[in-house]
């Protein structure tokens, strides 16, 4: 009897933790996710335009440095939304660590591939940037979908994986447009939906 009780108690605790974590995502990070989504979309579209207008197209990738400037703003937005003290769970910490792991991995990957491209003067290798980053985001979304039990996040993972595969059949400049569409549909649109549903539930 004691073992059965402990097992049921553990399941209840896990379910409560997941529900609380889902609520924390809705309250604490939705606005910052939308903001960063718009920043990434703007950077991708601007990068696409600069590729076709600059005399040296490879300088167009410098536009992505705007992400570094946007991160403190996103952090400020998150802290502003978290003024009502949210009880952080272990799942929230896992979420943060998974995205931190993605950020570090993406930085290392980009540093390596750009270094290789300019050292051996094979710029065509840069065509891998968008598909690989999209694949990595798909993996993160899949893992978090499993943890949070959110079916929509599985679809978001599939969206980014599909975007990565689609890039294989397109020119490098169109990869940026595909990535922008994936971010719009995978982060910005769902973020607005969550905010709408949250407001509706309080009416």
Protein backbone atom coordinates (compact mmCIF):
# COMPACT_ATOMS: atom_id res chain seq x y z
CA UNK A 1 0.00 0.00 0.00
CA UNK A 2 2.78 2.38 0.90
CA UNK A 3 4.49 1.89 -2.48
CA UNK A 4 1.23 2.51 -4.37
CA UNK A 5 0.59 5.68 -2.37
CA UNK A 6 4.09 6.98 -3.01
CA UNK A 7 3.78 6.24 -6.73
CA UNK A 8 0.46 8.09 -7.02
CA UNK A 9 1.80 10.94 -4.95
CA UNK A 10 4.81 11.23 -7.22
CA UNK A 11 2.62 11.32 -10.34
CA UNK A 12 0.42 14.00 -8.77
CA UNK A 13 3.46 16.09 -7.88
CA UNK A 14 4.88 15.75 -11.41
CA UNK A 15 1.56 16.74 -13.00
CA UNK A 16 1.26 19.75 -10.71
CA UNK A 17 4.81 20.77 -11.54
CA UNK A 18 4.10 20.51 -15.29
CA UNK A 19 0.90 22.56 -14.99
CA UNK A 20 2.71 25.21 -12.94
CA UNK A 21 5.56 25.30 -15.45
CA UNK A 22 3.10 25.70 -18.33
CA UNK A 23 1.48 28.58 -16.46
CA UNK A 24 4.90 30.15 -15.85
CA UNK A 25 5.68 30.05 -19.58
CA UNK A 26 2.39 31.78 -20.35
CA UNK A 27 2.90 34.48 -17.71
CA UNK A 28 6.63 34.97 -17.72
CA UNK A 29 8.14 34.54 -21.17
CA UNK A 30 5.51 34.98 -23.87
CA UNK A 31 6.16 38.68 -24.50
CA UNK A 32 9.94 38.22 -24.64
CA UNK A 33 9.54 35.26 -27.04
CA UNK A 34 7.39 37.40 -29.33
CA UNK A 35 9.88 40.26 -29.15
CA UNK A 36 12.85 38.03 -29.99
CA UNK A 37 10.80 36.42 -32.74
CA UNK A 38 10.20 39.76 -34.41
CA UNK A 39 13.89 40.67 -34.03
CA UNK A 40 14.97 37.42 -35.71
CA UNK A 41 12.44 37.86 -38.53
CA UNK A 42 13.58 41.44 -39.11
CA UNK A 43 17.23 40.36 -39.12
CA UNK A 44 16.55 37.52 -41.57
CA UNK A 45 14.60 39.73 -44.00
CA UNK A 46 17.19 42.52 -43.73
CA UNK A 47 19.96 39.98 -44.34
CA UNK A 48 18.12 38.82 -47.48
CA UNK A 49 17.85 42.41 -48.76
CA UNK A 50 21.50 43.22 -47.98
CA UNK A 51 22.72 40.11 -49.81
CA UNK A 52 21.25 41.59 -52.98
CA UNK A 53 22.35 45.19 -52.38
CA UNK A 54 25.82 45.15 -50.80
CA UNK A 55 28.92 44.92 -52.97
CA UNK A 56 30.24 42.29 -50.55
CA UNK A 57 27.24 40.03 -49.73
CA UNK A 58 29.08 38.30 -46.87
CA UNK A 59 29.05 41.55 -44.89
CA UNK A 60 25.26 41.24 -44.76
CA UNK A 61 25.55 38.59 -42.04
CA UNK A 62 26.75 41.26 -39.61
CA UNK A 63 23.10 42.23 -39.19
CA UNK A 64 22.74 39.23 -36.87
CA UNK A 65 24.79 41.07 -34.25
CA UNK A 66 21.51 42.82 -33.45
CA UNK A 67 20.59 39.66 -31.53
CA UNK A 68 23.27 40.54 -28.96
CA UNK A 69 21.65 43.95 -28.47
CA UNK A 70 18.15 42.45 -28.28
CA UNK A 71 18.93 39.88 -25.57
CA UNK A 72 19.15 42.41 -22.69
CA UNK A 73 15.84 43.91 -23.84
CA UNK A 74 14.22 40.46 -23.86
CA UNK A 75 15.60 39.84 -20.37
CA UNK A 76 14.11 43.15 -19.18
CA UNK A 77 10.71 42.20 -20.67
CA UNK A 78 10.83 38.84 -18.90
CA UNK A 79 11.69 40.47 -15.56
CA UNK A 80 8.87 42.99 -16.02
CA UNK A 81 6.37 40.20 -16.67
CA UNK A 82 7.67 38.29 -13.66
CA UNK A 83 6.89 41.00 -11.14
CA UNK A 84 4.13 38.81 -9.78
CA UNK A 85 6.36 36.25 -8.09
CA UNK A 86 6.19 33.02 -10.06
CA UNK A 87 7.02 29.87 -8.16
CA UNK A 88 9.80 28.39 -10.27
CA UNK A 89 9.82 24.63 -10.71
CA UNK A 90 12.56 22.20 -11.65
CA UNK A 91 10.99 22.04 -15.12
CA UNK A 92 11.41 25.81 -15.50
CA UNK A 93 15.10 25.40 -14.73
CA UNK A 94 15.37 22.61 -17.32
CA UNK A 95 13.69 24.88 -19.88
CA UNK A 96 16.23 27.62 -19.20
CA UNK A 97 19.19 25.22 -19.35
CA UNK A 98 17.99 23.64 -22.61
CA UNK A 99 17.74 27.05 -24.30
CA UNK A 100 21.09 28.09 -22.81
CA UNK A 101 22.55 24.90 -24.26
CA UNK A 102 21.07 25.77 -27.63
CA UNK A 103 22.49 29.31 -27.47
CA UNK A 104 25.98 28.05 -26.66
CA UNK A 105 25.80 25.34 -29.32
CA UNK A 106 24.57 27.78 -31.95
CA UNK A 107 27.35 30.27 -31.09
CA UNK A 108 30.04 27.57 -31.24
CA UNK A 109 28.66 26.20 -34.51
CA UNK A 110 28.55 29.63 -36.17
CA UNK A 111 32.02 30.53 -34.88
CA UNK A 112 33.43 27.28 -36.26
CA UNK A 113 31.73 27.40 -39.64
CA UNK A 114 32.59 31.07 -40.28
CA UNK A 115 36.20 30.50 -39.22
CA UNK A 116 36.48 27.50 -41.53
CA UNK A 117 34.81 29.40 -44.38
CA UNK A 118 37.26 32.30 -44.24
CA UNK A 119 40.38 30.27 -43.42
CA UNK A 120 40.06 27.91 -46.37
CA UNK A 121 38.16 30.44 -48.51
CA UNK A 122 35.16 28.21 -49.14
CA UNK A 123 32.22 30.52 -48.51
CA UNK A 124 29.73 28.05 -49.92
CA UNK A 125 29.94 26.14 -46.64
CA UNK A 126 27.95 28.98 -45.05
CA UNK A 127 24.89 27.59 -46.82
CA UNK A 128 24.68 25.12 -43.92
CA UNK A 129 24.01 27.82 -41.30
CA UNK A 130 20.25 28.15 -41.61
CA UNK A 131 19.41 24.43 -42.04
CA UNK A 132 21.59 23.44 -39.07
CA UNK A 133 20.23 26.18 -36.78
CA UNK A 134 16.67 25.26 -37.80
CA UNK A 135 17.39 21.61 -37.03
CA UNK A 136 18.77 22.55 -33.61
CA UNK A 137 15.68 24.64 -32.81
CA UNK A 138 13.51 21.71 -33.88
CA UNK A 139 15.36 19.46 -31.46
CA UNK A 140 14.93 21.95 -28.59
CA UNK A 141 11.22 22.29 -29.28
CA UNK A 142 10.80 18.51 -29.46
CA UNK A 143 12.55 18.01 -26.11
CA UNK A 144 10.51 20.76 -24.44
CA UNK A 145 7.30 19.40 -25.98
CA UNK A 146 8.04 16.07 -24.29
CA UNK A 147 8.75 17.77 -20.96
CA UNK A 148 5.81 20.19 -20.99
CA UNK A 149 3.41 17.82 -22.77
CA UNK A 150 2.43 20.48 -25.27
CA UNK A 151 1.25 19.01 -28.58
CA UNK A 152 1.61 22.33 -30.39
CA UNK A 153 5.33 22.33 -29.66
CA UNK A 154 5.70 19.03 -31.51
CA UNK A 155 4.23 20.77 -34.55
CA UNK A 156 6.65 23.66 -34.08
CA UNK A 157 9.55 21.19 -34.00
CA UNK A 158 8.24 19.58 -37.20
CA UNK A 159 7.92 23.04 -38.77
CA UNK A 160 11.60 23.87 -38.20
CA UNK A 161 12.73 20.41 -39.31
CA UNK A 162 10.62 20.82 -42.45
CA UNK A 163 12.15 24.25 -43.01
CA UNK A 164 15.64 22.75 -42.76
CA UNK A 165 14.78 20.09 -45.35
CA UNK A 166 13.17 22.68 -47.64
CA UNK A 167 16.41 24.69 -47.63
CA UNK A 168 18.13 21.81 -49.45
CA UNK A 169 16.09 22.59 -52.57
CA UNK A 170 16.48 26.39 -52.52
CA UNK A 171 19.20 28.97 -53.11
CA UNK A 172 21.09 30.17 -50.03
CA UNK A 173 19.37 33.58 -49.94
CA UNK A 174 15.93 31.94 -49.76
CA UNK A 175 17.03 30.07 -46.64
CA UNK A 176 16.63 33.35 -44.76
CA UNK A 177 13.03 33.74 -45.91
CA UNK A 178 12.23 30.15 -44.94
CA UNK A 179 13.76 30.74 -41.52
CA UNK A 180 11.77 33.97 -41.08
CA UNK A 181 8.53 32.14 -41.93
CA UNK A 182 9.35 29.34 -39.47
CA UNK A 183 10.00 31.84 -36.67
CA UNK A 184 6.78 33.72 -37.46
CA UNK A 185 4.68 30.57 -37.46
CA UNK A 186 6.62 28.78 -34.71
CA UNK A 187 7.12 31.52 -32.12
CA UNK A 188 5.45 34.84 -32.94
CA UNK A 189 2.01 33.54 -33.95
CA UNK A 190 1.73 31.01 -31.08
CA UNK A 191 2.89 33.71 -28.67
CA UNK A 192 0.09 36.05 -29.74
CA UNK A 193 -2.39 33.17 -29.47
CA UNK A 194 -1.27 32.43 -25.90
CA UNK A 195 -1.63 36.11 -24.92
CA UNK A 196 -5.11 36.24 -26.49
CA UNK A 197 -6.21 33.08 -24.69
CA UNK A 198 -4.81 34.34 -21.38
CA UNK A 199 -6.66 37.65 -21.68
CA UNK A 200 -9.84 35.86 -22.74
CA UNK A 201 -9.68 33.57 -19.71
CA UNK A 202 -9.56 36.61 -17.41
CA UNK A 203 -12.56 38.31 -19.00
